[in-house]
Protein backbone atom coordinates (compact mmCIF):
# COMPACT_ATOMS: atom_id res chain seq x y z
CA MET A 1 3.76 -25.15 9.47
CA THR A 2 3.93 -22.32 6.95
CA VAL A 3 1.15 -21.75 4.47
CA GLU A 4 2.09 -19.94 1.28
CA TYR A 5 0.00 -16.97 0.22
CA ARG A 6 -1.18 -17.52 -3.31
CA ARG A 7 -3.48 -15.87 -5.78
CA LYS A 8 -6.09 -17.89 -7.63
CA ARG A 9 -4.69 -19.49 -10.76
CA GLY A 10 -5.11 -17.18 -13.75
CA THR A 11 -5.38 -13.97 -11.70
CA ASP A 12 -4.22 -11.00 -13.76
CA THR A 13 -1.11 -9.27 -12.42
CA GLU A 14 1.00 -6.33 -13.52
CA ALA A 15 4.61 -5.46 -12.81
CA LEU A 16 5.22 -2.54 -10.45
CA HIS A 17 8.69 -1.08 -10.38
CA ILE A 18 9.03 1.69 -7.80
CA LEU A 19 11.67 3.33 -5.66
CA VAL A 20 10.94 3.72 -1.95
CA ARG A 21 12.91 5.08 0.98
CA PRO A 22 15.22 2.51 2.62
CA GLU A 23 13.15 2.49 5.83
CA VAL A 24 10.01 1.66 3.84
CA LYS A 25 11.76 -1.24 2.12
CA ARG A 26 13.01 -2.51 5.49
CA ARG A 27 9.49 -2.28 6.94
CA ILE A 28 8.03 -4.27 4.04
CA GLU A 29 10.76 -6.88 4.52
CA GLN A 30 10.12 -7.03 8.28
CA LEU A 31 6.39 -7.53 7.77
CA ALA A 32 6.98 -10.16 5.10
CA ASN A 33 9.42 -12.06 7.30
CA ALA A 34 7.23 -11.88 10.40
CA SER A 35 4.12 -13.02 8.55
CA HIS A 36 5.84 -15.53 6.23
CA LEU A 37 4.21 -13.78 3.28
CA PRO A 38 5.79 -12.50 0.07
CA GLN A 39 6.47 -8.78 -0.18
CA TRP A 40 3.87 -8.34 -2.90
CA ALA A 41 1.21 -9.62 -0.49
CA ILE A 42 2.22 -7.01 2.10
CA VAL A 43 2.01 -4.20 -0.46
CA GLU A 44 -1.33 -5.43 -1.83
CA ALA A 45 -2.79 -5.71 1.67
CA ALA A 46 -1.68 -2.18 2.53
CA ILE A 47 -3.26 -0.73 -0.61
CA MET A 48 -6.47 -2.72 -0.24
CA SER A 49 -6.87 -1.77 3.44
CA GLY A 50 -8.80 1.39 2.59
CA ASP A 51 -12.55 1.69 2.45
CA GLY A 52 -12.77 0.48 -1.14
CA ASN A 53 -13.44 3.94 -2.55
CA SER A 54 -10.91 4.26 -5.34
CA HIS A 55 -11.19 8.06 -5.35
CA THR A 56 -9.92 8.73 -1.84
CA VAL A 57 -6.77 8.03 0.11
CA PRO A 58 -7.20 6.57 3.60
CA GLU A 59 -6.99 9.50 6.02
CA GLU A 60 -4.62 7.64 8.35
CA TRP A 61 -1.99 7.67 5.59
CA GLY A 62 -1.51 11.40 6.27
CA LEU A 63 -0.40 12.22 2.72
CA THR A 64 0.36 15.85 1.95
CA GLY A 65 1.50 17.64 -1.17
CA PRO A 66 4.70 19.65 -1.61
CA ASP A 67 2.96 22.69 -0.08
CA GLY A 68 2.07 20.74 3.07
CA GLU A 69 -1.63 20.78 2.20
CA PRO A 70 -3.55 17.52 2.72
CA ARG A 71 -4.03 15.53 -0.48
CA LEU A 72 -7.31 13.96 0.53
CA PRO A 73 -10.27 14.91 -1.69
CA SER A 74 -12.48 15.59 1.32
CA LEU A 75 -9.92 18.03 2.77
CA GLN A 76 -8.78 19.91 -0.34
CA LYS A 77 -9.57 23.58 -0.67
CA THR A 78 -12.13 24.37 -3.35
CA ALA A 79 -11.51 28.09 -3.73
């Protein structure tokens, strides 16, 4: 038995049109297929998996800027 993932009726939503690397798209598709969830639910879950602080990026994401410097507020140079 498959249960559909649904938002509450009337929940506000916004369109998100982005380009991602092919391997990222495949990973989203794999997760959606394995969990029987829509792709939007996978993306929402990934984004909401942080600590709830909207001003920081989860450290495990390992995001860096073009210069290779970490792009986490707690790790940025101040001088």
